[in-house]
Amino acid sequence: MKKLLLLSGVLFFLASVEAQQVEEFSLLRENAFTLNPALAGMQGWLHGTLTGRKQFSKIDQAPYTAMLALDGQIAGKNVGIGGYLIHDVTGPTGKSAITVAVAYNIPLYKKYSPRFSSGKSNHTLSIGLSLSAVQYRLRGDQLEVNDANDPGLYTSKGSKIFPDASFGLYYRYKQNLYVGISVPQIMGLNVNYAGTDGIAKIKKVQHLNFLIGGKIEMARGNFSIDPVASLRWEKGAPLQGDIGLRTVMYKIFWLGANYRSLNYMVFEAGFNIKDKFSLSYAYDLNISKYRKDIGSTHELSIGFTVSRAQKVWRGKGAALRF
């Protein structure tokens, strides 16, 4: 009976967390571009992120995700471009994708207030669209089923490549407030694997992601509190959400904690060097009664930002600086 209850609990958590088909990250701020194409070019002239995530460390064939993203601005065009590579595996299923995103950044109130006569705006609205080529994989020989003699059981290795797209909106006020909403997997295509011994069908559906956060500066900017909240929704899956705070000290070190629905606490820490290099880590603690058997989740992210090259005139000479 104990084994049966434990198995039921594990299946509940796997179904609840993985029912949503789009990758989720604990480091919400660092990986926001992956879920919302409107963020392309919003982090600077050139910005990159490398993230690795391992879930349920004590379960065999537990989910893991690897992602490499790069985005930046096109000078003088209010246009951001970017893309990312992602590899995601959950037991016998997995996917790999290459995505290209473009965003148009609209400075608001620029023409209507003398406050912005310098050509800069404190308010920015960005509209983004991304296109993806996604390879879905299924190892039918690794599926564990109740009836192994079912003549319609799919037991082959399958691989399919499908197109997809995502749309997003993002608003930012200085560094104090940001709000984003996006719809991944707009196409909602069916992924069907047909083998000699059966057929497997997976329905891809649209998702809705919402993110809001900001920064409250204190002590002359040497200390800040950064709140964040997110919601993820998909038809047929439980609503998921995060809410938490991050404290930043001297714009170098930070510590944070989030509460995630479905009984999770996320603890995170990191540092950055002159806003050019950052290292971030998140630890997901399962606070349910099955936490010792499922294991924890770890996520590590490395980021870099390159500022736009500028001309510096000194007398008759000129130099470039970053």
C-alpha atoms as a PDB file:
ATOM      1  CA  MET A   1       0.000   0.000   0.000  1.00  0.00           C
ATOM      2  CA  LYS A   2       2.865   2.412   0.781  1.00  0.00           C
ATOM      3  CA  LYS A   3       4.435   1.736  -2.614  1.00  0.00           C
ATOM      4  CA  LEU A   4       1.094   2.327  -4.310  1.00  0.00           C
ATOM      5  CA  LEU A   5       0.610   5.644  -2.512  1.00  0.00           C
ATOM      6  CA  LEU A   6       4.139   6.730  -3.364  1.00  0.00           C
ATOM      7  CA  LEU A   7       3.682   5.849  -7.032  1.00  0.00           C
ATOM      8  CA  SER A   8       0.389   7.765  -7.115  1.00  0.00           C
ATOM      9  CA  GLY A   9       2.082  10.807  -5.629  1.00  0.00           C
ATOM     10  CA  VAL A  10       4.949  10.707  -8.116  1.00  0.00           C
ATOM     11  CA  LEU A  11       2.547  10.381 -11.038  1.00  0.00           C
ATOM     12  CA  PHE A  12       0.492  13.294  -9.693  1.00  0.00           C
ATOM     13  CA  PHE A  13       3.508  15.596  -9.567  1.00  0.00           C
ATOM     14  CA  LEU A  14       4.755  14.529 -12.969  1.00  0.00           C
ATOM     15  CA  ALA A  15       1.334  15.057 -14.500  1.00  0.00           C
ATOM     16  CA  SER A  16       0.803  18.396 -12.774  1.00  0.00           C
ATOM     17  CA  VAL A  17       4.187  19.876 -13.616  1.00  0.00           C
ATOM     18  CA  GLU A  18       4.753  18.373 -17.052  1.00  0.00           C
ATOM     19  CA  ALA A  19       1.184  18.612 -18.349  1.00  0.00           C
ATOM     20  CA  GLN A  20       2.142  22.013 -19.616  1.00  0.00           C
ATOM     21  CA  GLN A  21       4.069  21.397 -22.838  1.00  0.00           C
ATOM     22  CA  VAL A  22       6.236  24.543 -22.803  1.00  0.00           C
ATOM     23  CA  GLU A  23       9.457  24.516 -20.800  1.00  0.00           C
ATOM     24  CA  GLU A  24       9.382  26.190 -17.419  1.00  0.00           C
ATOM     25  CA  PHE A  25      12.277  27.851 -15.621  1.00  0.00           C
ATOM     26  CA  SER A  26      12.832  28.767 -11.989  1.00  0.00           C
ATOM     27  CA  LEU A  27      15.016  31.757 -12.916  1.00  0.00           C
ATOM     28  CA  LEU A  28      12.093  33.721 -14.343  1.00  0.00           C
ATOM     29  CA  ARG A  29      13.964  36.932 -15.142  1.00  0.00           C
ATOM     30  CA  GLU A  30      17.037  35.344 -16.716  1.00  0.00           C
ATOM     31  CA  ASN A  31      15.036  33.123 -19.102  1.00  0.00           C
ATOM     32  CA  ALA A  32      12.082  35.400 -19.901  1.00  0.00           C
ATOM     33  CA  PHE A  33      13.111  35.828 -23.564  1.00  0.00           C
ATOM     34  CA  THR A  34      12.653  32.098 -24.186  1.00  0.00           C
ATOM     35  CA  LEU A  35       8.959  32.387 -23.306  1.00  0.00           C
ATOM     36  CA  ASN A  36       8.256  35.838 -24.791  1.00  0.00           C
ATOM     37  CA  PRO A  37       9.742  36.941 -28.160  1.00  0.00           C
ATOM     38  CA  ALA A  38       8.880  40.598 -27.415  1.00  0.00           C
ATOM     39  CA  LEU A  39      11.962  40.745 -25.147  1.00  0.00           C
ATOM     40  CA  ALA A  40      14.329  40.476 -28.116  1.00  0.00           C
ATOM     41  CA  GLY A  41      16.715  43.419 -27.897  1.00  0.00           C
ATOM     42  CA  MET A  42      15.414  44.692 -24.547  1.00  0.00           C
ATOM     43  CA  GLN A  43      18.534  43.722 -22.563  1.00  0.00           C
ATOM     44  CA  GLY A  44      21.087  45.683 -24.569  1.00  0.00           C
ATOM     45  CA  TRP A  45      23.042  45.715 -27.781  1.00  0.00           C
ATOM     46  CA  LEU A  46      23.962  42.026 -27.416  1.00  0.00           C
ATOM     47  CA  HIS A  47      22.780  39.635 -24.707  1.00  0.00           C
ATOM     48  CA  GLY A  48      23.292  35.891 -24.259  1.00  0.00           C
ATOM     49  CA  THR A  49      22.111  33.229 -21.820  1.00  0.00           C
ATOM     50  CA  LEU A  50      23.100  29.605 -21.256  1.00  0.00           C
ATOM     51  CA  THR A  51      20.803  27.642 -18.920  1.00  0.00           C
ATOM     52  CA  GLY A  52      20.714  24.060 -17.679  1.00  0.00           C
ATOM     53  CA  ARG A  53      17.863  22.621 -15.598  1.00  0.00           C
ATOM     54  CA  LYS A  54      17.494  19.190 -13.970  1.00  0.00           C
ATOM     55  CA  GLN A  55      14.202  18.233 -12.283  1.00  0.00           C
ATOM     56  CA  PHE A  56      13.320  15.505  -9.742  1.00  0.00           C
ATOM     57  CA  SER A  57      16.927  14.440  -9.175  1.00  0.00           C
ATOM     58  CA  LYS A  58      16.028  11.108  -7.504  1.00  0.00           C
ATOM     59  CA  ILE A  59      13.788   9.823 -10.307  1.00  0.00           C
ATOM     60  CA  ASP A  60      15.192   7.765 -13.174  1.00  0.00           C
ATOM     61  CA  GLN A  61      14.820   9.503 -16.581  1.00  0.00           C
ATOM     62  CA  ALA A  62      13.725  12.713 -14.852  1.00  0.00           C
ATOM     63  CA  PRO A  63      13.154  15.826 -17.023  1.00  0.00           C
ATOM     64  CA  TYR A  64      16.082  18.017 -17.965  1.00  0.00           C
ATOM     65  CA  THR A  65      16.410  21.093 -20.187  1.00  0.00           C
ATOM     66  CA  ALA A  66      19.353  22.834 -21.846  1.00  0.00           C
ATOM     67  CA  MET A  67      18.962  26.216 -23.547  1.00  0.00           C
ATOM     68  CA  LEU A  68      21.236  28.697 -25.349  1.00  0.00           C
ATOM     69  CA  ALA A  69      19.774  32.107 -26.258  1.00  0.00           C
ATOM     70  CA  LEU A  70      21.170  35.198 -27.971  1.00  0.00           C
ATOM     71  CA  ASP A  71      19.418  38.488 -28.762  1.00  0.00           C
ATOM     72  CA  GLY A  72      20.268  42.115 -29.436  1.00  0.00           C
ATOM     73  CA  GLN A  73      19.319  45.471 -30.920  1.00  0.00           C
ATOM     74  CA  ILE A  74      19.625  46.774 -34.458  1.00  0.00           C
ATOM     75  CA  ALA A  75      21.109  50.250 -34.001  1.00  0.00           C
ATOM     76  CA  GLY A  76      18.758  53.111 -34.807  1.00  0.00           C
ATOM     77  CA  LYS A  77      15.910  50.882 -35.952  1.00  0.00           C
ATOM     78  CA  ASN A  78      13.992  50.169 -32.707  1.00  0.00           C
ATOM     79  CA  VAL A  79      14.175  46.526 -33.735  1.00  0.00           C
ATOM     80  CA  GLY A  80      15.403  43.589 -31.713  1.00  0.00           C
ATOM     81  CA  ILE A  81      16.329  40.207 -33.116  1.00  0.00           C
ATOM     82  CA  GLY A  82      17.380  36.982 -31.473  1.00  0.00           C
ATOM     83  CA  GLY A  83      17.026  33.266 -31.270  1.00  0.00           C
ATOM     84  CA  TYR A  84      17.650  30.250 -29.132  1.00  0.00           C
ATOM     85  CA  LEU A  85      18.394  26.541 -29.207  1.00  0.00           C
ATOM     86  CA  ILE A  86      16.634  24.284 -26.721  1.00  0.00           C
ATOM     87  CA  HIS A  87      16.893  20.589 -25.886  1.00  0.00           C
ATOM     88  CA  ASP A  88      14.274  19.134 -23.544  1.00  0.00           C
ATOM     89  CA  VAL A  89      13.857  15.504 -22.435  1.00  0.00           C
ATOM     90  CA  THR A  90      11.230  13.878 -20.198  1.00  0.00           C
ATOM     91  CA  GLY A  91      11.695  10.123 -19.956  1.00  0.00           C
ATOM     92  CA  PRO A  92      10.877   8.531 -23.328  1.00  0.00           C
ATOM     93  CA  THR A  93       9.771  11.825 -24.879  1.00  0.00           C
ATOM     94  CA  GLY A  94      11.852  14.806 -25.917  1.00  0.00           C
ATOM     95  CA  LYS A  95      12.174  17.735 -28.255  1.00  0.00           C
ATOM     96  CA  SER A  96      14.847  19.968 -29.742  1.00  0.00           C
ATOM     97  CA  ALA A  97      14.089  23.323 -31.337  1.00  0.00           C
ATOM     98  CA  ILE A  98      15.697  26.235 -33.089  1.00  0.00           C
ATOM     99  CA  THR A  99      13.824  29.531 -32.810  1.00  0.00           C
ATOM    100  CA  VAL A 100      14.267  32.939 -34.453  1.00  0.00           C
ATOM    101  CA  ALA A 101      12.535  35.978 -32.927  1.00  0.00           C
ATOM    102  CA  VAL A 102      12.029  39.586 -33.971  1.00  0.00           C
ATOM    103  CA  ALA A 103      10.570  42.431 -31.900  1.00  0.00           C
ATOM    104  CA  TYR A 104       9.645  46.037 -32.599  1.00  0.00           C
ATOM    105  CA  ASN A 105      10.313  48.371 -29.665  1.00  0.00           C
ATOM    106  CA  ILE A 106       8.026  51.413 -29.515  1.00  0.00           C
ATOM    107  CA  PRO A 107       9.142  54.337 -27.286  1.00  0.00           C
ATOM    108  CA  LEU A 108       5.974  55.837 -25.781  1.00  0.00           C
ATOM    109  CA  TYR A 109       5.280  59.544 -25.136  1.00  0.00           C
ATOM    110  CA  LYS A 110       8.475  60.496 -26.935  1.00  0.00           C
ATOM    111  CA  LYS A 111       6.814  63.179 -29.102  1.00  0.00           C
ATOM    112  CA  TYR A 112       4.350  64.578 -26.609  1.00  0.00           C
ATOM    113  CA  SER A 113       6.380  65.616 -23.582  1.00  0.00           C
ATOM    114  CA  PRO A 114       9.382  67.944 -23.252  1.00  0.00           C
ATOM    115  CA  ARG A 115      10.625  65.514 -20.650  1.00  0.00           C
ATOM    116  CA  PHE A 116      11.682  63.237 -23.524  1.00  0.00           C
ATOM    117  CA  SER A 117      13.073  65.923 -25.826  1.00  0.00           C
ATOM    118  CA  SER A 118      16.460  64.193 -25.762  1.00  0.00           C
ATOM    119  CA  GLY A 119      15.017  61.393 -27.872  1.00  0.00           C
ATOM    120  CA  LYS A 120      14.773  58.894 -25.032  1.00  0.00           C
ATOM    121  CA  SER A 121      11.620  57.508 -23.471  1.00  0.00           C
ATOM    122  CA  ASN A 122      11.109  56.016 -20.046  1.00  0.00           C
ATOM    123  CA  HIS A 123       8.252  53.891 -21.396  1.00  0.00           C
ATOM    124  CA  THR A 124       8.718  51.165 -23.991  1.00  0.00           C
ATOM    125  CA  LEU A 125       6.206  48.801 -25.567  1.00  0.00           C
ATOM    126  CA  SER A 126       7.558  45.856 -27.527  1.00  0.00           C
ATOM    127  CA  ILE A 127       5.713  43.525 -29.914  1.00  0.00           C
ATOM    128  CA  GLY A 128       7.405  40.243 -30.775  1.00  0.00           C
ATOM    129  CA  LEU A 129       6.962  37.195 -32.979  1.00  0.00           C
ATOM    130  CA  SER A 130       9.047  34.038 -33.183  1.00  0.00           C
ATOM    131  CA  LEU A 131       9.172  31.112 -35.604  1.00  0.00           C
ATOM    132  CA  SER A 132      10.475  27.685 -34.659  1.00  0.00           C
ATOM    133  CA  ALA A 133      11.444  24.390 -36.205  1.00  0.00           C
ATOM    134  CA  VAL A 134      10.811  21.714 -33.581  1.00  0.00           C
ATOM    135  CA  GLN A 135      11.872  18.097 -33.597  1.00  0.00           C
ATOM    136  CA  TYR A 136       9.660  15.907 -31.384  1.00  0.00           C
ATOM    137  CA  ARG A 137      10.909  12.452 -30.339  1.00  0.00           C
ATOM    138  CA  LEU A 138       9.217   9.430 -28.786  1.00  0.00           C
ATOM    139  CA  ARG A 139      10.880   6.213 -27.604  1.00  0.00           C
ATOM    140  CA  GLY A 140       7.988   3.770 -27.673  1.00  0.00           C
ATOM    141  CA  ASP A 141      10.248   0.949 -26.482  1.00  0.00           C
ATOM    142  CA  GLN A 142      10.760   2.808 -23.188  1.00  0.00           C
ATOM    143  CA  LEU A 143       7.064   3.330 -22.409  1.00  0.00           C
ATOM    144  CA  GLU A 144       5.746   1.494 -19.358  1.00  0.00           C
ATOM    145  CA  VAL A 145       2.149   0.364 -19.909  1.00  0.00           C
ATOM    146  CA  ASN A 146      -0.485  -1.698 -18.137  1.00  0.00           C
ATOM    147  CA  ASP A 147      -1.071  -4.110 -21.035  1.00  0.00           C
ATOM    148  CA  ALA A 148       2.151  -5.006 -22.835  1.00  0.00           C
ATOM    149  CA  ASN A 149       0.255  -7.285 -25.258  1.00  0.00           C
ATOM    150  CA  ASP A 150      -2.011  -4.539 -26.637  1.00  0.00           C
ATOM    151  CA  PRO A 151      -1.851  -4.975 -30.475  1.00  0.00           C
ATOM    152  CA  GLY A 152      -2.232  -1.220 -30.948  1.00  0.00           C
ATOM    153  CA  LEU A 153       0.678  -0.334 -28.675  1.00  0.00           C
ATOM    154  CA  TYR A 154       3.317   1.930 -30.198  1.00  0.00           C
ATOM    155  CA  THR A 155       6.764   0.454 -29.452  1.00  0.00           C
ATOM    156  CA  SER A 156       8.895   2.078 -32.160  1.00  0.00           C
ATOM    157  CA  LYS A 157      11.268   5.043 -32.130  1.00  0.00           C
ATOM    158  CA  GLY A 158       9.602   8.097 -33.658  1.00  0.00           C
ATOM    159  CA  SER A 159      10.841  11.525 -34.728  1.00  0.00           C
ATOM    160  CA  LYS A 160       8.873  14.376 -36.313  1.00  0.00           C
ATOM    161  CA  ILE A 161       9.800  17.931 -37.311  1.00  0.00           C
ATOM    162  CA  PHE A 162       7.056  20.570 -37.142  1.00  0.00           C
ATOM    163  CA  PRO A 163       6.923  24.367 -37.486  1.00  0.00           C
ATOM    164  CA  ASP A 164       5.552  26.528 -34.708  1.00  0.00           C
ATOM    165  CA  ALA A 165       5.244  30.171 -33.694  1.00  0.00           C
ATOM    166  CA  SER A 166       4.859  32.378 -30.615  1.00  0.00           C
ATOM    167  CA  PHE A 167       3.561  35.915 -30.085  1.00  0.00           C
ATOM    168  CA  GLY A 168       4.256  38.301 -27.228  1.00  0.00           C
ATOM    169  CA  LEU A 169       3.792  41.801 -25.818  1.00  0.00           C
ATOM    170  CA  TYR A 170       6.116  43.465 -23.309  1.00  0.00           C
ATOM    171  CA  TYR A 171       5.917  46.834 -21.528  1.00  0.00           C
ATOM    172  CA  ARG A 172       8.748  48.386 -19.504  1.00  0.00           C
ATOM    173  CA  TYR A 173       8.962  51.570 -17.439  1.00  0.00           C
ATOM    174  CA  LYS A 174      12.668  52.338 -16.838  1.00  0.00           C
ATOM    175  CA  GLN A 175      13.931  49.490 -14.650  1.00  0.00           C
ATOM    176  CA  ASN A 176      11.094  49.922 -12.166  1.00  0.00           C
ATOM    177  CA  LEU A 177       8.274  47.964 -13.809  1.00  0.00           C
ATOM    178  CA  TYR A 178       7.809  45.402 -16.551  1.00  0.00           C
ATOM    179  CA  VAL A 179       4.783  43.422 -17.728  1.00  0.00           C
ATOM    180  CA  GLY A 180       4.780  40.696 -20.353  1.00  0.00           C
ATOM    181  CA  ILE A 181       2.223  38.362 -21.898  1.00  0.00           C
ATOM    182  CA  SER A 182       2.867  35.714 -24.522  1.00  0.00           C
ATOM    183  CA  VAL A 183       1.220  32.818 -26.354  1.00  0.00           C
ATOM    184  CA  PRO A 184       3.615  29.971 -27.240  1.00  0.00           C
ATOM    185  CA  GLN A 185       2.694  27.134 -29.635  1.00  0.00           C
ATOM    186  CA  ILE A 186       0.198  29.234 -31.586  1.00  0.00           C
ATOM    187  CA  MET A 187      -0.188  26.637 -34.350  1.00  0.00           C
ATOM    188  CA  GLY A 188      -1.338  23.857 -31.995  1.00  0.00           C
ATOM    189  CA  LEU A 189      -0.394  21.094 -34.438  1.00  0.00           C
ATOM    190  CA  ASN A 190      -0.883  17.380 -33.791  1.00  0.00           C
ATOM    191  CA  VAL A 191       2.243  15.229 -33.530  1.00  0.00           C
ATOM    192  CA  ASN A 192       1.400  11.702 -34.664  1.00  0.00           C
ATOM    193  CA  TYR A 193       3.844   8.791 -34.631  1.00  0.00           C
ATOM    194  CA  ALA A 194       2.827   5.882 -36.877  1.00  0.00           C
ATOM    195  CA  GLY A 195       4.721   2.598 -36.578  1.00  0.00           C
ATOM    196  CA  THR A 196       4.231  -0.947 -37.806  1.00  0.00           C
ATOM    197  CA  ASP A 197       2.630  -1.933 -34.521  1.00  0.00           C
ATOM    198  CA  GLY A 198       0.593   1.109 -33.496  1.00  0.00           C
ATOM    199  CA  ILE A 199       0.018   4.869 -33.508  1.00  0.00           C
ATOM    200  CA  ALA A 200       0.840   7.486 -30.848  1.00  0.00           C
ATOM    201  CA  LYS A 201      -0.878  10.880 -30.968  1.00  0.00           C
ATOM    202  CA  ILE A 202       0.173  13.982 -29.054  1.00  0.00           C
ATOM    203  CA  LYS A 203      -1.912  17.157 -29.263  1.00  0.00           C
ATOM    204  CA  LYS A 204       0.034  20.425 -29.005  1.00  0.00           C
ATOM    205  CA  VAL A 205      -2.026  23.281 -27.590  1.00  0.00           C
ATOM    206  CA  GLN A 206      -1.611  27.017 -27.084  1.00  0.00           C
ATOM    207  CA  HIS A 207      -0.330  28.301 -23.756  1.00  0.00           C
ATOM    208  CA  LEU A 208      -0.719  31.651 -22.010  1.00  0.00           C
ATOM    209  CA  ASN A 209       2.207  33.080 -20.041  1.00  0.00           C
ATOM    210  CA  PHE A 210       2.035  36.224 -17.911  1.00  0.00           C
ATOM    211  CA  LEU A 211       4.969  37.916 -16.156  1.00  0.00           C
ATOM    212  CA  ILE A 212       5.117  41.050 -14.016  1.00  0.00           C
ATOM    213  CA  GLY A 213       7.935  42.442 -11.910  1.00  0.00           C
ATOM    214  CA  GLY A 214       9.975  45.480 -11.042  1.00  0.00           C
ATOM    215  CA  LYS A 215      12.603  47.100  -8.874  1.00  0.00           C
ATOM    216  CA  ILE A 216      12.342  49.229  -5.729  1.00  0.00           C
ATOM    217  CA  GLU A 217      15.638  51.001  -5.079  1.00  0.00           C
ATOM    218  CA  MET A 218      16.829  51.965  -1.609  1.00  0.00           C
ATOM    219  CA  ALA A 219      19.964  53.377   0.017  1.00  0.00           C
ATOM    220  CA  ARG A 220      20.833  55.545  -2.979  1.00  0.00           C
ATOM    221  CA  GLY A 221      20.651  52.613  -5.343  1.00  0.00           C
ATOM    222  CA  ASN A 222      23.011  50.407  -3.339  1.00  0.00           C
ATOM    223  CA  PHE A 223      20.177  48.109  -2.318  1.00  0.00           C
ATOM    224  CA  SER A 224      16.961  47.096  -4.062  1.00  0.00           C
ATOM    225  CA  ILE A 225      13.988  44.782  -3.679  1.00  0.00           C
ATOM    226  CA  ASP A 226      12.826  43.141  -6.928  1.00  0.00           C
ATOM    227  CA  PRO A 227       9.335  41.563  -6.789  1.00  0.00           C
ATOM    228  CA  VAL A 228       8.170  39.152  -9.494  1.00  0.00           C
ATOM    229  CA  ALA A 229       5.077  37.104 -10.277  1.00  0.00           C
ATOM    230  CA  SER A 230       4.100  34.825 -13.134  1.00  0.00           C
ATOM    231  CA  LEU A 231       1.152  32.737 -14.314  1.00  0.00           C
ATOM    232  CA  ARG A 232       1.141  29.845 -16.803  1.00  0.00           C
ATOM    233  CA  TRP A 233      -2.094  28.470 -18.212  1.00  0.00           C
ATOM    234  CA  GLU A 234      -2.986  25.716 -20.633  1.00  0.00           C
ATOM    235  CA  LYS A 235      -6.394  24.228 -21.309  1.00  0.00           C
ATOM    236  CA  GLY A 236      -6.741  20.944 -19.457  1.00  0.00           C
ATOM    237  CA  ALA A 237      -3.824  21.582 -17.063  1.00  0.00           C
ATOM    238  CA  PRO A 238      -3.813  23.180 -13.594  1.00  0.00           C
ATOM    239  CA  LEU A 239      -3.037  26.880 -13.409  1.00  0.00           C
ATOM    240  CA  GLN A 240       0.543  27.400 -12.240  1.00  0.00           C
ATOM    241  CA  GLY A 241       2.047  30.484 -10.694  1.00  0.00           C
ATOM    242  CA  ASP A 242       5.100  31.955  -8.973  1.00  0.00           C
ATOM    243  CA  ILE A 243       5.411  34.897  -6.630  1.00  0.00           C
ATOM    244  CA  GLY A 244       8.513  36.091  -4.840  1.00  0.00           C
ATOM    245  CA  LEU A 245      11.158  38.678  -4.027  1.00  0.00           C
ATOM    246  CA  ARG A 246      14.822  39.165  -4.830  1.00  0.00           C
ATOM    247  CA  THR A 247      17.134  41.426  -2.834  1.00  0.00           C
ATOM    248  CA  VAL A 248      20.073  42.967  -4.713  1.00  0.00           C
ATOM    249  CA  MET A 249      23.082  44.368  -2.848  1.00  0.00           C
ATOM    250  CA  TYR A 250      25.392  46.942  -4.468  1.00  0.00           C
ATOM    251  CA  LYS A 251      24.164  45.780  -7.888  1.00  0.00           C
ATOM    252  CA  ILE A 252      26.493  42.800  -7.552  1.00  0.00           C
ATOM    253  CA  PHE A 253      25.077  40.086  -5.278  1.00  0.00           C
ATOM    254  CA  TRP A 254      21.480  38.967  -4.930  1.00  0.00           C
ATOM    255  CA  LEU A 255      19.371  36.469  -3.006  1.00  0.00           C
ATOM    256  CA  GLY A 256      15.747  35.555  -3.601  1.00  0.00           C
ATOM    257  CA  ALA A 257      12.897  33.191  -2.875  1.00  0.00           C
ATOM    258  CA  ASN A 258       9.682  32.348  -4.739  1.00  0.00           C
ATOM    259  CA  TYR A 259       6.654  30.272  -3.871  1.00  0.00           C
ATOM    260  CA  ARG A 260       5.496  28.085  -6.763  1.00  0.00           C
ATOM    261  CA  SER A 261       2.060  26.538  -6.848  1.00  0.00           C
ATOM    262  CA  LEU A 262       1.868  22.749  -6.499  1.00  0.00           C
ATOM    263  CA  ASN A 263       3.953  22.821  -3.310  1.00  0.00           C
ATOM    264  CA  TYR A 264       7.332  24.237  -4.276  1.00  0.00           C
ATOM    265  CA  MET A 265       9.695  26.795  -2.782  1.00  0.00           C
ATOM    266  CA  VAL A 266      12.383  28.212  -5.062  1.00  0.00           C
ATOM    267  CA  PHE A 267      15.569  29.627  -3.530  1.00  0.00           C
ATOM    268  CA  GLU A 268      17.904  31.543  -5.837  1.00  0.00           C
ATOM    269  CA  ALA A 269      21.199  33.400  -5.669  1.00  0.00           C
ATOM    270  CA  GLY A 270      23.673  34.987  -8.032  1.00  0.00           C
ATOM    271  CA  PHE A 271      26.033  37.802  -8.855  1.00  0.00           C
ATOM    272  CA  ASN A 272      26.894  40.018 -11.793  1.00  0.00           C
ATOM    273  CA  ILE A 273      30.030  41.926 -12.778  1.00  0.00           C
ATOM    274  CA  LYS A 274      29.386  45.469 -14.042  1.00  0.00           C
ATOM    275  CA  ASP A 275      26.178  44.315 -15.751  1.00  0.00           C
ATOM    276  CA  LYS A 276      28.313  42.439 -18.285  1.00  0.00           C
ATOM    277  CA  PHE A 277      28.552  38.927 -16.822  1.00  0.00           C
ATOM    278  CA  SER A 278      26.184  37.088 -14.500  1.00  0.00           C
ATOM    279  CA  LEU A 279      25.918  33.706 -12.814  1.00  0.00           C
ATOM    280  CA  SER A 280      22.585  32.583 -11.336  1.00  0.00           C
ATOM    281  CA  TYR A 281      21.475  29.446  -9.501  1.00  0.00           C
ATOM    282  CA  ALA A 282      18.042  28.237  -8.377  1.00  0.00           C
ATOM    283  CA  TYR A 283      17.111  25.349  -6.094  1.00  0.00           C
ATOM    284  CA  ASP A 284      13.521  24.062  -6.142  1.00  0.00           C
ATOM    285  CA  LEU A 285      12.495  22.494  -2.839  1.00  0.00           C
ATOM    286  CA  ASN A 286       9.529  20.150  -3.008  1.00  0.00           C
ATOM    287  CA  ILE A 287       7.601  20.734   0.228  1.00  0.00           C
ATOM    288  CA  SER A 288       5.072  17.941  -0.272  1.00  0.00           C
ATOM    289  CA  LYS A 289       5.195  14.739   1.762  1.00  0.00           C
ATOM    290  CA  TYR A 290       6.835  12.968  -1.201  1.00  0.00           C
ATOM    291  CA  ARG A 291       9.810  15.332  -1.344  1.00  0.00           C
ATOM    292  CA  LYS A 292      12.416  12.815  -0.119  1.00  0.00           C
ATOM    293  CA  ASP A 293      11.558  10.276  -2.805  1.00  0.00           C
ATOM    294  CA  ILE A 294      11.195  12.642  -5.780  1.00  0.00           C
ATOM    295  CA  GLY A 295      14.274  14.735  -5.139  1.00  0.00           C
ATOM    296  CA  SER A 296      14.971  18.390  -5.800  1.00  0.00           C
ATOM    297  CA  THR A 297      15.408  20.533  -8.919  1.00  0.00           C
ATOM    298  CA  HIS A 298      18.529  22.487  -9.849  1.00  0.00           C
ATOM    299  CA  GLU A 299      18.923  25.256 -12.411  1.00  0.00           C
ATOM    300  CA  LEU A 300      22.077  27.138 -13.429  1.00  0.00           C
ATOM    301  CA  SER A 301      22.224  30.120 -15.790  1.00  0.00           C
ATOM    302  CA  ILE A 302      25.188  32.065 -17.204  1.00  0.00           C
ATOM    303  CA  GLY A 303      24.590  35.393 -18.943  1.00  0.00           C
ATOM    304  CA  PHE A 304      26.567  38.136 -20.651  1.00  0.00           C
ATOM    305  CA  THR A 305      25.755  41.579 -22.045  1.00  0.00           C
ATOM    306  CA  VAL A 306      27.804  43.685 -24.485  1.00  0.00           C
ATOM    307  CA  SER A 307      27.133  47.422 -24.652  1.00  0.00           C
ATOM    308  CA  ARG A 308      26.927  49.205 -27.985  1.00  0.00           C
ATOM    309  CA  ALA A 309      30.224  50.590 -29.286  1.00  0.00           C
ATOM    310  CA  GLN A 310      30.336  54.388 -29.149  1.00  0.00           C
ATOM    311  CA  LYS A 311      32.628  57.040 -30.602  1.00  0.00           C
ATOM    312  CA  VAL A 312      34.519  59.214 -28.152  1.00  0.00           C
ATOM    313  CA  TRP A 313      35.930  62.414 -29.704  1.00  0.00           C
ATOM    314  CA  ARG A 314      39.085  63.855 -28.158  1.00  0.00           C
ATOM    315  CA  GLY A 315      40.486  66.798 -30.084  1.00  0.00           C
ATOM    316  CA  LYS A 316      41.241  65.631 -33.606  1.00  0.00           C
ATOM    317  CA  GLY A 317      41.286  61.925 -32.753  1.00  0.00           C
ATOM    318  CA  ALA A 318      38.598  59.384 -32.187  1.00  0.00           C
ATOM    319  CA  ALA A 319      38.414  56.164 -30.280  1.00  0.00           C
ATOM    320  CA  LEU A 320      35.922  53.355 -29.811  1.00  0.00           C
ATOM    321  CA  ARG A 321      34.794  52.193 -26.435  1.00  0.00           C
ATOM    322  CA  PHE A 322      32.351  49.574 -25.082  1.00  0.00           C
END
